[in-house]
C-alpha atoms as a PDB file:
ATOM      1  CA  MET A   1     -15.198 -15.504   5.103  1.00  0.00           C
ATOM      2  CA  THR A   2     -11.942 -13.688   4.413  1.00  0.00           C
ATOM      3  CA  ASN A   3     -11.331 -10.110   5.514  1.00  0.00           C
ATOM      4  CA  CYS A   4      -8.635  -8.089   3.709  1.00  0.00           C
ATOM      5  CA  LEU A   5      -7.295  -5.045   5.527  1.00  0.00           C
ATOM      6  CA  PHE A   6      -5.462  -2.486   3.409  1.00  0.00           C
ATOM      7  CA  PHE A   7      -3.342  -0.057   5.445  1.00  0.00           C
ATOM      8  CA  GLY A   8      -1.665   2.855   3.696  1.00  0.00           C
ATOM      9  CA  ASP A   9      -1.621   6.527   2.825  1.00  0.00           C
ATOM     10  CA  SER A  10      -3.499   8.529   0.166  1.00  0.00           C
ATOM     11  CA  ILE A  11      -2.654   5.975  -2.529  1.00  0.00           C
ATOM     12  CA  THR A  12      -4.526   3.315  -0.577  1.00  0.00           C
ATOM     13  CA  TYR A  13      -7.289   5.815   0.164  1.00  0.00           C
ATOM     14  CA  GLY A  14      -7.646   6.309  -3.607  1.00  0.00           C
ATOM     15  CA  GLU A  15      -6.818   9.993  -4.016  1.00  0.00           C
ATOM     16  CA  TYR A  16      -6.976  11.404  -7.562  1.00  0.00           C
ATOM     17  CA  ASP A  17      -9.066   8.496  -8.864  1.00  0.00           C
ATOM     18  CA  GLY A  18     -12.491   9.728  -9.917  1.00  0.00           C
ATOM     19  CA  ILE A  19     -13.171   6.583 -11.929  1.00  0.00           C
ATOM     20  CA  LEU A  20     -12.566   3.542  -9.723  1.00  0.00           C
ATOM     21  CA  GLY A  21     -12.354   5.273  -6.353  1.00  0.00           C
ATOM     22  CA  GLY A  22      -8.934   3.685  -5.893  1.00  0.00           C
ATOM     23  CA  TYR A  23      -7.652   0.137  -5.973  1.00  0.00           C
ATOM     24  CA  VAL A  24      -9.333  -0.980  -2.727  1.00  0.00           C
ATOM     25  CA  ASP A  25     -12.799   0.078  -3.886  1.00  0.00           C
ATOM     26  CA  ASP A  26     -12.217  -1.780  -7.133  1.00  0.00           C
ATOM     27  CA  LEU A  27     -11.200  -4.899  -5.213  1.00  0.00           C
ATOM     28  CA  LYS A  28     -14.290  -4.560  -3.031  1.00  0.00           C
ATOM     29  CA  ARG A  29     -16.576  -4.458  -6.069  1.00  0.00           C
ATOM     30  CA  TYR A  30     -14.715  -7.354  -7.672  1.00  0.00           C
ATOM     31  CA  SER A  31     -14.888  -9.681  -4.671  1.00  0.00           C
ATOM     32  CA  HIS A  32     -18.522  -8.860  -3.868  1.00  0.00           C
ATOM     33  CA  SER A  33     -19.520  -9.404  -7.494  1.00  0.00           C
ATOM     34  CA  LYS A  34     -17.852 -12.813  -7.429  1.00  0.00           C
ATOM     35  CA  TYR A  35     -19.636 -13.687  -4.200  1.00  0.00           C
ATOM     36  CA  TYR A  36     -23.102 -12.588  -5.321  1.00  0.00           C
ATOM     37  CA  ASN A  37     -22.957 -13.667  -8.952  1.00  0.00           C
ATOM     38  CA  GLU A  38     -20.707 -16.723  -8.905  1.00  0.00           C
ATOM     39  CA  ASN A  39     -21.368 -18.048  -5.394  1.00  0.00           C
ATOM     40  CA  THR A  40     -17.707 -17.881  -4.390  1.00  0.00           C
ATOM     41  CA  ASN A  41     -16.408 -17.563  -0.858  1.00  0.00           C
ATOM     42  CA  GLU A  42     -17.028 -14.179   0.742  1.00  0.00           C
ATOM     43  CA  VAL A  43     -14.049 -11.797   0.633  1.00  0.00           C
ATOM     44  CA  ASN A  44     -14.389  -8.346   2.232  1.00  0.00           C
ATOM     45  CA  CYS A  45     -11.970  -5.493   1.521  1.00  0.00           C
ATOM     46  CA  PHE A  46     -11.508  -2.712   4.062  1.00  0.00           C
ATOM     47  CA  ASN A  47      -9.914   0.569   2.970  1.00  0.00           C
ATOM     48  CA  LEU A  48      -7.780   1.758   5.884  1.00  0.00           C
ATOM     49  CA  GLY A  49      -5.820   4.365   3.945  1.00  0.00           C
ATOM     50  CA  ILE A  50      -5.285   7.849   5.396  1.00  0.00           C
ATOM     51  CA  GLY A  51      -3.885  10.658   3.270  1.00  0.00           C
ATOM     52  CA  GLY A  52      -0.452  11.826   4.373  1.00  0.00           C
ATOM     53  CA  GLU A  53       0.033   9.026   6.888  1.00  0.00           C
ATOM     54  CA  THR A  54       3.441   7.584   7.675  1.00  0.00           C
ATOM     55  CA  THR A  55       4.356   4.402   9.524  1.00  0.00           C
ATOM     56  CA  VAL A  56       4.247   6.468  12.733  1.00  0.00           C
ATOM     57  CA  GLY A  57       0.500   6.867  12.301  1.00  0.00           C
ATOM     58  CA  LEU A  58       0.147   3.225  11.343  1.00  0.00           C
ATOM     59  CA  LEU A  59       1.586   2.061  14.662  1.00  0.00           C
ATOM     60  CA  ASN A  60      -0.769   4.353  16.586  1.00  0.00           C
ATOM     61  CA  ARG A  61      -3.865   2.629  15.219  1.00  0.00           C
ATOM     62  CA  LEU A  62      -2.840  -0.750  13.819  1.00  0.00           C
ATOM     63  CA  GLU A  63      -3.926  -3.118  16.563  1.00  0.00           C
ATOM     64  CA  ASN A  64      -7.300  -1.465  17.178  1.00  0.00           C
ATOM     65  CA  GLU A  65      -8.081  -1.458  13.440  1.00  0.00           C
ATOM     66  CA  ILE A  66      -7.243  -5.150  13.122  1.00  0.00           C
ATOM     67  CA  LYS A  67      -9.231  -6.181  16.192  1.00  0.00           C
ATOM     68  CA  ALA A  68     -12.311  -4.337  14.916  1.00  0.00           C
ATOM     69  CA  ARG A  69     -12.302  -6.202  11.589  1.00  0.00           C
ATOM     70  CA  LEU A  70     -11.125  -9.725  12.360  1.00  0.00           C
ATOM     71  CA  SER A  71     -12.843 -12.545  10.517  1.00  0.00           C
ATOM     72  CA  PRO A  72     -13.259 -15.811  12.420  1.00  0.00           C
ATOM     73  CA  ASP A  73     -11.907 -17.540   9.321  1.00  0.00           C
ATOM     74  CA  GLU A  74      -9.124 -15.959   7.219  1.00  0.00           C
ATOM     75  CA  ASN A  75      -7.538 -12.502   7.437  1.00  0.00           C
ATOM     76  CA  LEU A  76      -5.133 -10.801   5.020  1.00  0.00           C
ATOM     77  CA  VAL A  77      -3.259  -7.622   5.935  1.00  0.00           C
ATOM     78  CA  PHE A  78      -1.584  -5.384   3.345  1.00  0.00           C
ATOM     79  CA  PHE A  79       0.868  -2.571   4.143  1.00  0.00           C
ATOM     80  CA  PHE A  80       1.425   0.095   1.455  1.00  0.00           C
ATOM     81  CA  TYR A  81       3.712   2.686   3.073  1.00  0.00           C
ATOM     82  CA  GLY A  82       6.810   4.712   2.369  1.00  0.00           C
ATOM     83  CA  ALA A  83       5.868   7.507  -0.033  1.00  0.00           C
ATOM     84  CA  ASN A  84       5.456   9.950   2.863  1.00  0.00           C
ATOM     85  CA  ASP A  85       8.030   8.389   5.194  1.00  0.00           C
ATOM     86  CA  LEU A  86      10.901   8.822   2.720  1.00  0.00           C
ATOM     87  CA  ALA A  87      10.142  12.425   1.837  1.00  0.00           C
ATOM     88  CA  ILE A  88      12.382  15.279   2.936  1.00  0.00           C
ATOM     89  CA  LYS A  89      10.689  18.394   4.347  1.00  0.00           C
ATOM     90  CA  ASN A  90      12.460  21.519   5.587  1.00  0.00           C
ATOM     91  CA  ASN A  91      15.742  19.691   4.939  1.00  0.00           C
ATOM     92  CA  GLU A  92      14.823  16.939   7.411  1.00  0.00           C
ATOM     93  CA  GLU A  93      13.795  13.322   6.908  1.00  0.00           C
ATOM     94  CA  ILE A  94      10.150  12.795   7.783  1.00  0.00           C
ATOM     95  CA  VAL A  95      11.021   9.226   8.809  1.00  0.00           C
ATOM     96  CA  SER A  96      14.566   7.883   8.635  1.00  0.00           C
ATOM     97  CA  LEU A  97      15.283   4.577   6.911  1.00  0.00           C
ATOM     98  CA  HIS A  98      16.257   3.104  10.282  1.00  0.00           C
ATOM     99  CA  ASP A  99      12.966   4.155  11.887  1.00  0.00           C
ATOM    100  CA  PHE A 100      10.971   3.039   8.831  1.00  0.00           C
ATOM    101  CA  LYS A 101      12.478  -0.433   9.175  1.00  0.00           C
ATOM    102  CA  HIS A 102      11.666  -0.511  12.877  1.00  0.00           C
ATOM    103  CA  HIS A 103       8.067   0.626  12.305  1.00  0.00           C
ATOM    104  CA  ILE A 104       7.417  -1.943   9.581  1.00  0.00           C
ATOM    105  CA  GLU A 105       8.945  -4.753  11.614  1.00  0.00           C
ATOM    106  CA  THR A 106       6.923  -3.753  14.672  1.00  0.00           C
ATOM    107  CA  SER A 107       3.769  -3.703  12.542  1.00  0.00           C
ATOM    108  CA  ILE A 108       4.516  -7.182  11.227  1.00  0.00           C
ATOM    109  CA  ASN A 109       5.162  -8.535  14.722  1.00  0.00           C
ATOM    110  CA  LEU A 110       1.854  -7.106  15.964  1.00  0.00           C
ATOM    111  CA  THR A 111      -0.055  -8.397  12.957  1.00  0.00           C
ATOM    112  CA  GLN A 112       1.365 -11.900  13.300  1.00  0.00           C
ATOM    113  CA  ASN A 113      -0.623 -12.203  16.529  1.00  0.00           C
ATOM    114  CA  TYR A 114      -3.750 -12.233  14.360  1.00  0.00           C
ATOM    115  CA  THR A 115      -2.783 -13.668  10.964  1.00  0.00           C
ATOM    116  CA  PRO A 116       0.214 -15.073   9.077  1.00  0.00           C
ATOM    117  CA  HIS A 117      -1.069 -13.613   5.811  1.00  0.00           C
ATOM    118  CA  ILE A 118       0.855 -10.330   5.561  1.00  0.00           C
ATOM    119  CA  PHE A 119       1.819  -8.481   2.392  1.00  0.00           C
ATOM    120  CA  LEU A 120       4.244  -5.580   1.888  1.00  0.00           C
ATOM    121  CA  ILE A 121       3.620  -3.447  -1.196  1.00  0.00           C
ATOM    122  CA  SER A 122       6.507  -1.533  -2.755  1.00  0.00           C
ATOM    123  CA  ILE A 123       6.584   2.242  -2.940  1.00  0.00           C
ATOM    124  CA  LEU A 124       5.620   3.498  -6.391  1.00  0.00           C
ATOM    125  CA  PRO A 125       7.946   5.537  -8.617  1.00  0.00           C
ATOM    126  CA  ILE A 126       7.445   9.272  -8.999  1.00  0.00           C
ATOM    127  CA  ALA A 127       7.339  11.180 -12.272  1.00  0.00           C
ATOM    128  CA  SER A 128      10.686  12.484 -13.521  1.00  0.00           C
ATOM    129  CA  GLU A 129       9.388  16.066 -13.283  1.00  0.00           C
ATOM    130  CA  ILE A 130       9.467  16.029  -9.461  1.00  0.00           C
ATOM    131  CA  ASP A 131      12.460  13.775  -8.856  1.00  0.00           C
ATOM    132  CA  GLY A 132      14.568  15.813  -6.434  1.00  0.00           C
ATOM    133  CA  VAL A 133      12.174  18.777  -6.585  1.00  0.00           C
ATOM    134  CA  VAL A 134      10.327  20.405  -3.683  1.00  0.00           C
ATOM    135  CA  VAL A 135       6.606  20.247  -4.522  1.00  0.00           C
ATOM    136  CA  ALA A 136       3.728  22.419  -3.305  1.00  0.00           C
ATOM    137  CA  SER A 137       3.341  20.366  -0.125  1.00  0.00           C
ATOM    138  CA  GLY A 138       6.951  21.204   0.756  1.00  0.00           C
ATOM    139  CA  LYS A 139       8.046  17.596   0.317  1.00  0.00           C
ATOM    140  CA  LEU A 140      11.028  16.454  -1.711  1.00  0.00           C
ATOM    141  CA  ARG A 141      11.278  12.904  -3.009  1.00  0.00           C
ATOM    142  CA  THR A 142      13.978  11.187  -5.036  1.00  0.00           C
ATOM    143  CA  THR A 143      14.122   7.952  -6.983  1.00  0.00           C
ATOM    144  CA  GLU A 144      17.286   7.112  -5.071  1.00  0.00           C
ATOM    145  CA  ARG A 145      15.449   7.137  -1.730  1.00  0.00           C
ATOM    146  CA  ILE A 146      12.472   5.257  -3.163  1.00  0.00           C
ATOM    147  CA  LYS A 147      14.787   2.456  -4.284  1.00  0.00           C
ATOM    148  CA  LEU A 148      16.545   2.481  -0.907  1.00  0.00           C
ATOM    149  CA  PHE A 149      13.277   2.165   1.022  1.00  0.00           C
ATOM    150  CA  ASN A 150      11.954  -0.477  -1.373  1.00  0.00           C
ATOM    151  CA  GLN A 151      15.102  -2.525  -0.894  1.00  0.00           C
ATOM    152  CA  GLN A 152      14.504  -2.334   2.830  1.00  0.00           C
ATOM    153  CA  LEU A 153      10.911  -3.547   2.388  1.00  0.00           C
ATOM    154  CA  LYS A 154      12.109  -6.437   0.247  1.00  0.00           C
ATOM    155  CA  GLU A 155      14.711  -7.451   2.818  1.00  0.00           C
ATOM    156  CA  ILE A 156      12.143  -7.292   5.624  1.00  0.00           C
ATOM    157  CA  ALA A 157       9.742  -9.472   3.639  1.00  0.00           C
ATOM    158  CA  GLU A 158      12.479 -12.035   3.046  1.00  0.00           C
ATOM    159  CA  ALA A 159      13.498 -12.034   6.703  1.00  0.00           C
ATOM    160  CA  TYR A 160       9.923 -12.542   7.904  1.00  0.00           C
ATOM    161  CA  GLN A 161       9.028 -14.878   5.031  1.00  0.00           C
ATOM    162  CA  ILE A 162       6.058 -12.793   3.938  1.00  0.00           C
ATOM    163  CA  SER A 163       5.017 -11.614   0.475  1.00  0.00           C
ATOM    164  CA  TYR A 164       6.559  -8.552  -1.179  1.00  0.00           C
ATOM    165  CA  LEU A 165       4.582  -7.095  -4.076  1.00  0.00           C
ATOM    166  CA  ASP A 166       7.026  -5.280  -6.361  1.00  0.00           C
ATOM    167  CA  ILE A 167       4.620  -2.911  -8.065  1.00  0.00           C
ATOM    168  CA  TYR A 168       7.440  -0.370  -8.478  1.00  0.00           C
ATOM    169  CA  SER A 169       9.021  -2.439 -11.247  1.00  0.00           C
ATOM    170  CA  VAL A 170       5.714  -2.758 -13.078  1.00  0.00           C
ATOM    171  CA  PHE A 171       5.154   1.013 -12.947  1.00  0.00           C
ATOM    172  CA  GLU A 172       8.721   2.129 -13.679  1.00  0.00           C
ATOM    173  CA  SER A 173       8.711   1.672 -17.443  1.00  0.00           C
ATOM    174  CA  ARG A 174       5.160   3.035 -17.780  1.00  0.00           C
ATOM    175  CA  LYS A 175       5.255   6.070 -15.478  1.00  0.00           C
ATOM    176  CA  ALA A 176       3.936   8.525 -18.048  1.00  0.00           C
ATOM    177  CA  GLU A 177       0.942   6.284 -18.636  1.00  0.00           C
ATOM    178  CA  LEU A 178       0.151   5.316 -15.037  1.00  0.00           C
ATOM    179  CA  ILE A 179       0.906   8.358 -12.834  1.00  0.00           C
ATOM    180  CA  SER A 180      -1.541  11.244 -12.417  1.00  0.00           C
ATOM    181  CA  LYS A 181      -0.909  14.913 -13.174  1.00  0.00           C
ATOM    182  CA  ASP A 182       0.296  15.530  -9.618  1.00  0.00           C
ATOM    183  CA  ASN A 183       3.296  13.294 -10.491  1.00  0.00           C
ATOM    184  CA  VAL A 184       2.930  11.161  -7.337  1.00  0.00           C
ATOM    185  CA  HIS A 185      -0.394   9.338  -7.244  1.00  0.00           C
ATOM    186  CA  PRO A 186      -1.524   6.769  -9.806  1.00  0.00           C
ATOM    187  CA  ASN A 187      -4.187   7.757 -12.304  1.00  0.00           C
ATOM    188  CA  GLU A 188      -7.195   5.527 -12.969  1.00  0.00           C
ATOM    189  CA  LYS A 189      -5.074   3.225 -15.151  1.00  0.00           C
ATOM    190  CA  GLY A 190      -2.457   2.980 -12.443  1.00  0.00           C
ATOM    191  CA  TYR A 191      -5.001   2.170  -9.767  1.00  0.00           C
ATOM    192  CA  ALA A 192      -6.583  -0.445 -12.048  1.00  0.00           C
ATOM    193  CA  LEU A 193      -3.177  -2.069 -12.522  1.00  0.00           C
ATOM    194  CA  ILE A 194      -2.573  -2.241  -8.770  1.00  0.00           C
ATOM    195  CA  SER A 195      -6.022  -3.764  -8.347  1.00  0.00           C
ATOM    196  CA  ASP A 196      -5.388  -6.357 -11.059  1.00  0.00           C
ATOM    197  CA  LEU A 197      -2.149  -7.465  -9.399  1.00  0.00           C
ATOM    198  CA  ILE A 198      -3.825  -7.890  -6.012  1.00  0.00           C
ATOM    199  CA  LYS A 199      -6.780  -9.735  -7.548  1.00  0.00           C
ATOM    200  CA  LEU A 200      -4.341 -12.563  -8.263  1.00  0.00           C
ATOM    201  CA  ILE A 201      -3.975 -12.927  -4.497  1.00  0.00           C
ATOM    202  CA  LEU A 202      -7.670 -12.557  -3.655  1.00  0.00           C
ATOM    203  CA  ASP A 203      -8.620 -15.163  -6.256  1.00  0.00           C
ATOM    204  CA  LYS A 204      -7.000 -17.784  -4.032  1.00  0.00           C
ATOM    205  CA  TYR A 205      -9.534 -17.017  -1.306  1.00  0.00           C
ATOM    206  CA  LEU A 206     -12.696 -16.578  -3.402  1.00  0.00           C
END
């Protein structure tokens, strides 16, 4: 039995997806269907996304969440953070790049006590309409900072020899098609694409 733990913010939670319920729910249906209908190995997907969360919140709950869901066999842990960390609010960084790096590295070090199978997912692009614009939530995001934080994630993954899923590059040329009307979250097509990319990983454990 393999347990997959998906930590993240509202994108992991599945906000703005009234069709699939988000990429984790889609993965849950996919893996359970394979198990029941094709007699594959059992793979369970746990949605541990919290809307608005940053890596500060992740560190506050990470170890307890992992301990509560450990499989005696295989465990996969996915981190999908940065969209809230990198935002600017009231002219201040919500989480600095330096602190973001520290939080992610601390999370990896904690997680390695339980499993070597750790995945970092890139931050998604935002629609051009809100690039450098303060939105209703009071947050300001820029493509420049997204690329900066993604580069940091990539470097961390290389240093720790763990997987980096560059979903940003897949989304970038198709933003108009894959991002919802709020200009931040994926739409149902975007969530389906994220799910399809992660299915390639889960297939190895089914």
